[in-house]
């Protein structure tokens, strides 16, 4: 399945059958309190990962039969980030907010049903959909936009 997944005008990168939690964080609005590292530090998250690992070891989850990892962190390079299986994506999205969970769930359902629109040559917008709240946020946005422009020119 090579279809790009786009949530809130953000492409969600993939690494095999795993999806980038960092991209989901940005798609949710990028609030500091919703960073994947905070969610991963929760006891409940550890318990979910432990249960998924048990099931993957028994090959009970069809999606995990081919890729026995449920979560993977990649440091450095273009593909850096924390990548998670579909079940963890749902749990992470639900932790952020009910609205974001439904948006993620419906996007993945559309992907599985084949009704996700194909967009060729799509790139995320350089400008945010919402204006920054303060001067520090505007400076951070300017830095991020500059990095995106430089990445496009490479």
Foldseek 3Di string as FASTA:
>chain_A
DPFFFAAQLFTFDDDQQWTFPQRLCVSLPVDPCLDPVNVCPDPVNVVVLVVLLVCLVVPVDVSCVVPSHAWDADDDDPPGGIIGHPVVVLVSQVVSDPVSSVRVVVSVVCVVVVNNDGDPPRDRDLDHPDDDDDDVRNVVSVVSSVVVVVVVVD
